Amino acid sequence: MLGGVLKKFLLILLVVVVYQNWGKIERVFHPSQVVSEQTQAKANVVLYTTEWCGYCKLTRRFLDQKGIAYKEFDIEKDTQARKAYEALGGRGIPLIDVNGTLIRGYDPDKVLAALK
């Protein structure tokens, strides 16, 4: 009985881990979706998020799929990040700073345009 419960727990844990890292996993199977190395090298992306935000998760997944490195700050857990977020005008999450261009909300096309 304990073995069956342990197997179910491990299966659920595996599903959660795969879900959280799907963008990175997908990049392995679809490398053509990754942006150029030159774009990756010059990308300076800062992501202001919260843990519960669905659009923040989509943004993380998109950046992971494209192979774009980013710094992420949770504005509910980090007071310095909250101050930086407010200094940039706040008003909604995710707030993405791409090479100095501010993008509010989940908008992959704007992120890619700001990287060029």
C-alpha atoms as a PDB file:
ATOM      1  CA  MET A   1       0.000   0.000   0.000  1.00  0.00           C
ATOM      2  CA  LEU A   2       2.761   2.440   0.907  1.00  0.00           C
ATOM      3  CA  GLY A   3       4.494   1.638  -2.393  1.00  0.00           C
ATOM      4  CA  GLY A   4       1.372   2.561  -4.374  1.00  0.00           C
ATOM      5  CA  VAL A   5       1.012   5.889  -2.550  1.00  0.00           C
ATOM      6  CA  LEU A   6       4.690   6.648  -3.110  1.00  0.00           C
ATOM      7  CA  LYS A   7       4.377   5.884  -6.843  1.00  0.00           C
ATOM      8  CA  LYS A   8       1.364   8.210  -7.145  1.00  0.00           C
ATOM      9  CA  PHE A   9       3.189  10.957  -5.262  1.00  0.00           C
ATOM     10  CA  LEU A  10       6.263  10.643  -7.482  1.00  0.00           C
ATOM     11  CA  LEU A  11       4.092  10.703 -10.613  1.00  0.00           C
ATOM     12  CA  ILE A  12       2.347  13.887  -9.455  1.00  0.00           C
ATOM     13  CA  LEU A  13       5.696  15.444  -8.583  1.00  0.00           C
ATOM     14  CA  LEU A  14       7.045  14.552 -12.024  1.00  0.00           C
ATOM     15  CA  VAL A  15       4.014  16.135 -13.723  1.00  0.00           C
ATOM     16  CA  VAL A  16       4.450  19.340 -11.713  1.00  0.00           C
ATOM     17  CA  VAL A  17       8.171  19.587 -12.515  1.00  0.00           C
ATOM     18  CA  VAL A  18       7.551  18.960 -16.218  1.00  0.00           C
ATOM     19  CA  TYR A  19       4.786  21.603 -16.271  1.00  0.00           C
ATOM     20  CA  GLN A  20       6.990  24.197 -14.576  1.00  0.00           C
ATOM     21  CA  ASN A  21       9.864  23.596 -16.990  1.00  0.00           C
ATOM     22  CA  TRP A  22       7.912  22.984 -20.185  1.00  0.00           C
ATOM     23  CA  GLY A  23       9.531  25.922 -22.011  1.00  0.00           C
ATOM     24  CA  LYS A  24      13.009  24.512 -21.470  1.00  0.00           C
ATOM     25  CA  ILE A  25      11.881  21.002 -22.409  1.00  0.00           C
ATOM     26  CA  GLU A  26      10.173  22.250 -25.566  1.00  0.00           C
ATOM     27  CA  ARG A  27      13.348  24.071 -26.635  1.00  0.00           C
ATOM     28  CA  VAL A  28      15.169  20.712 -26.705  1.00  0.00           C
ATOM     29  CA  PHE A  29      12.619  19.275 -29.149  1.00  0.00           C
ATOM     30  CA  HIS A  30      12.167  22.446 -31.251  1.00  0.00           C
ATOM     31  CA  PRO A  31      15.567  24.181 -31.450  1.00  0.00           C
ATOM     32  CA  SER A  32      14.480  26.139 -34.556  1.00  0.00           C
ATOM     33  CA  GLN A  33      12.289  28.314 -32.339  1.00  0.00           C
ATOM     34  CA  VAL A  34      15.334  29.654 -30.479  1.00  0.00           C
ATOM     35  CA  VAL A  35      16.386  33.185 -31.373  1.00  0.00           C
ATOM     36  CA  SER A  36      19.874  33.796 -32.764  1.00  0.00           C
ATOM     37  CA  GLU A  37      22.918  33.685 -30.519  1.00  0.00           C
ATOM     38  CA  GLN A  38      23.624  37.332 -31.332  1.00  0.00           C
ATOM     39  CA  THR A  39      20.166  38.312 -30.084  1.00  0.00           C
ATOM     40  CA  GLN A  40      20.607  36.161 -26.989  1.00  0.00           C
ATOM     41  CA  ALA A  41      23.980  37.758 -26.253  1.00  0.00           C
ATOM     42  CA  LYS A  42      22.711  41.336 -26.408  1.00  0.00           C
ATOM     43  CA  ALA A  43      19.450  40.595 -24.554  1.00  0.00           C
ATOM     44  CA  ASN A  44      19.074  42.361 -21.236  1.00  0.00           C
ATOM     45  CA  VAL A  45      15.694  41.203 -19.953  1.00  0.00           C
ATOM     46  CA  VAL A  46      14.292  41.886 -16.500  1.00  0.00           C
ATOM     47  CA  LEU A  47      10.960  40.348 -15.574  1.00  0.00           C
ATOM     48  CA  TYR A  48       8.825  41.678 -12.685  1.00  0.00           C
ATOM     49  CA  THR A  49       6.312  39.026 -11.651  1.00  0.00           C
ATOM     50  CA  THR A  50       4.350  37.371  -8.877  1.00  0.00           C
ATOM     51  CA  GLU A  51       4.165  33.687  -8.113  1.00  0.00           C
ATOM     52  CA  TRP A  52       0.430  33.340  -8.825  1.00  0.00           C
ATOM     53  CA  CYS A  53       0.292  35.254 -12.136  1.00  0.00           C
ATOM     54  CA  GLY A  54      -0.687  33.108 -15.138  1.00  0.00           C
ATOM     55  CA  TYR A  55       0.625  35.604 -17.700  1.00  0.00           C
ATOM     56  CA  CYS A  56       3.932  35.683 -15.822  1.00  0.00           C
ATOM     57  CA  LYS A  57       4.169  31.902 -16.263  1.00  0.00           C
ATOM     58  CA  LEU A  58       3.432  32.262 -19.983  1.00  0.00           C
ATOM     59  CA  THR A  59       6.126  34.921 -20.283  1.00  0.00           C
ATOM     60  CA  ARG A  60       8.682  32.705 -18.506  1.00  0.00           C
ATOM     61  CA  ARG A  61       7.776  29.798 -20.779  1.00  0.00           C
ATOM     62  CA  PHE A  62       8.087  31.978 -23.893  1.00  0.00           C
ATOM     63  CA  LEU A  63      11.522  33.309 -22.859  1.00  0.00           C
ATOM     64  CA  ASP A  64      12.689  29.784 -22.020  1.00  0.00           C
ATOM     65  CA  GLN A  65      11.448  28.478 -25.380  1.00  0.00           C
ATOM     66  CA  LYS A  66      13.369  31.175 -27.231  1.00  0.00           C
ATOM     67  CA  GLY A  67      16.513  30.634 -25.167  1.00  0.00           C
ATOM     68  CA  ILE A  68      16.482  34.217 -23.867  1.00  0.00           C
ATOM     69  CA  ALA A  69      18.162  34.664 -20.501  1.00  0.00           C
ATOM     70  CA  TYR A  70      16.331  36.879 -18.036  1.00  0.00           C
ATOM     71  CA  LYS A  71      16.442  38.091 -14.462  1.00  0.00           C
ATOM     72  CA  GLU A  72      13.195  37.599 -12.587  1.00  0.00           C
ATOM     73  CA  PHE A  73      12.022  39.487  -9.527  1.00  0.00           C
ATOM     74  CA  ASP A  74       8.919  38.639  -7.496  1.00  0.00           C
ATOM     75  CA  ILE A  75       7.457  41.995  -6.473  1.00  0.00           C
ATOM     76  CA  GLU A  76       5.521  40.452  -3.580  1.00  0.00           C
ATOM     77  CA  LYS A  77       8.535  38.807  -1.977  1.00  0.00           C
ATOM     78  CA  ASP A  78      11.330  41.303  -2.705  1.00  0.00           C
ATOM     79  CA  THR A  79      10.944  44.874  -1.410  1.00  0.00           C
ATOM     80  CA  GLN A  80      13.782  46.192  -3.588  1.00  0.00           C
ATOM     81  CA  ALA A  81      12.149  44.650  -6.652  1.00  0.00           C
ATOM     82  CA  ARG A  82       8.821  46.224  -5.648  1.00  0.00           C
ATOM     83  CA  LYS A  83      10.485  49.656  -5.438  1.00  0.00           C
ATOM     84  CA  ALA A  84      12.119  49.189  -8.855  1.00  0.00           C
ATOM     85  CA  TYR A  85       8.777  48.031 -10.295  1.00  0.00           C
ATOM     86  CA  GLU A  86       7.001  51.099  -8.901  1.00  0.00           C
ATOM     87  CA  ALA A  87       9.776  53.388 -10.166  1.00  0.00           C
ATOM     88  CA  LEU A  88       9.111  52.023 -13.663  1.00  0.00           C
ATOM     89  CA  GLY A  89       5.442  52.917 -13.353  1.00  0.00           C
ATOM     90  CA  GLY A  90       4.096  49.593 -12.069  1.00  0.00           C
ATOM     91  CA  ARG A  91       0.496  49.079 -13.197  1.00  0.00           C
ATOM     92  CA  GLY A  92       0.187  45.371 -13.799  1.00  0.00           C
ATOM     93  CA  ILE A  93       2.232  42.257 -14.208  1.00  0.00           C
ATOM     94  CA  PRO A  94       4.219  40.953 -15.814  1.00  0.00           C
ATOM     95  CA  LEU A  95       6.285  44.045 -16.431  1.00  0.00           C
ATOM     96  CA  ILE A  96       9.157  43.240 -18.773  1.00  0.00           C
ATOM     97  CA  ASP A  97      12.179  45.472 -19.331  1.00  0.00           C
ATOM     98  CA  VAL A  98      13.796  44.429 -22.612  1.00  0.00           C
ATOM     99  CA  ASN A  99      16.942  46.446 -23.348  1.00  0.00           C
ATOM    100  CA  GLY A 100      15.267  49.510 -21.813  1.00  0.00           C
ATOM    101  CA  THR A 101      11.895  49.024 -23.518  1.00  0.00           C
ATOM    102  CA  LEU A 102       9.042  48.435 -21.069  1.00  0.00           C
ATOM    103  CA  ILE A 103       6.408  45.892 -22.026  1.00  0.00           C
ATOM    104  CA  ARG A 104       3.319  45.499 -19.876  1.00  0.00           C
ATOM    105  CA  GLY A 105       1.589  42.132 -19.938  1.00  0.00           C
ATOM    106  CA  TYR A 106       2.236  39.028 -21.983  1.00  0.00           C
ATOM    107  CA  ASP A 107       3.159  40.114 -25.514  1.00  0.00           C
ATOM    108  CA  PRO A 108       5.697  37.854 -27.279  1.00  0.00           C
ATOM    109  CA  ASP A 109       5.722  39.965 -30.457  1.00  0.00           C
ATOM    110  CA  LYS A 110       6.696  43.113 -28.542  1.00  0.00           C
ATOM    111  CA  VAL A 111       9.432  41.203 -26.701  1.00  0.00           C
ATOM    112  CA  LEU A 112      10.926  39.957 -29.965  1.00  0.00           C
ATOM    113  CA  ALA A 113      10.680  43.438 -31.510  1.00  0.00           C
ATOM    114  CA  ALA A 114      12.464  44.979 -28.524  1.00  0.00           C
ATOM    115  CA  LEU A 115      15.289  42.458 -28.863  1.00  0.00           C
ATOM    116  CA  LYS A 116      16.122  43.547 -32.439  1.00  0.00           C
END
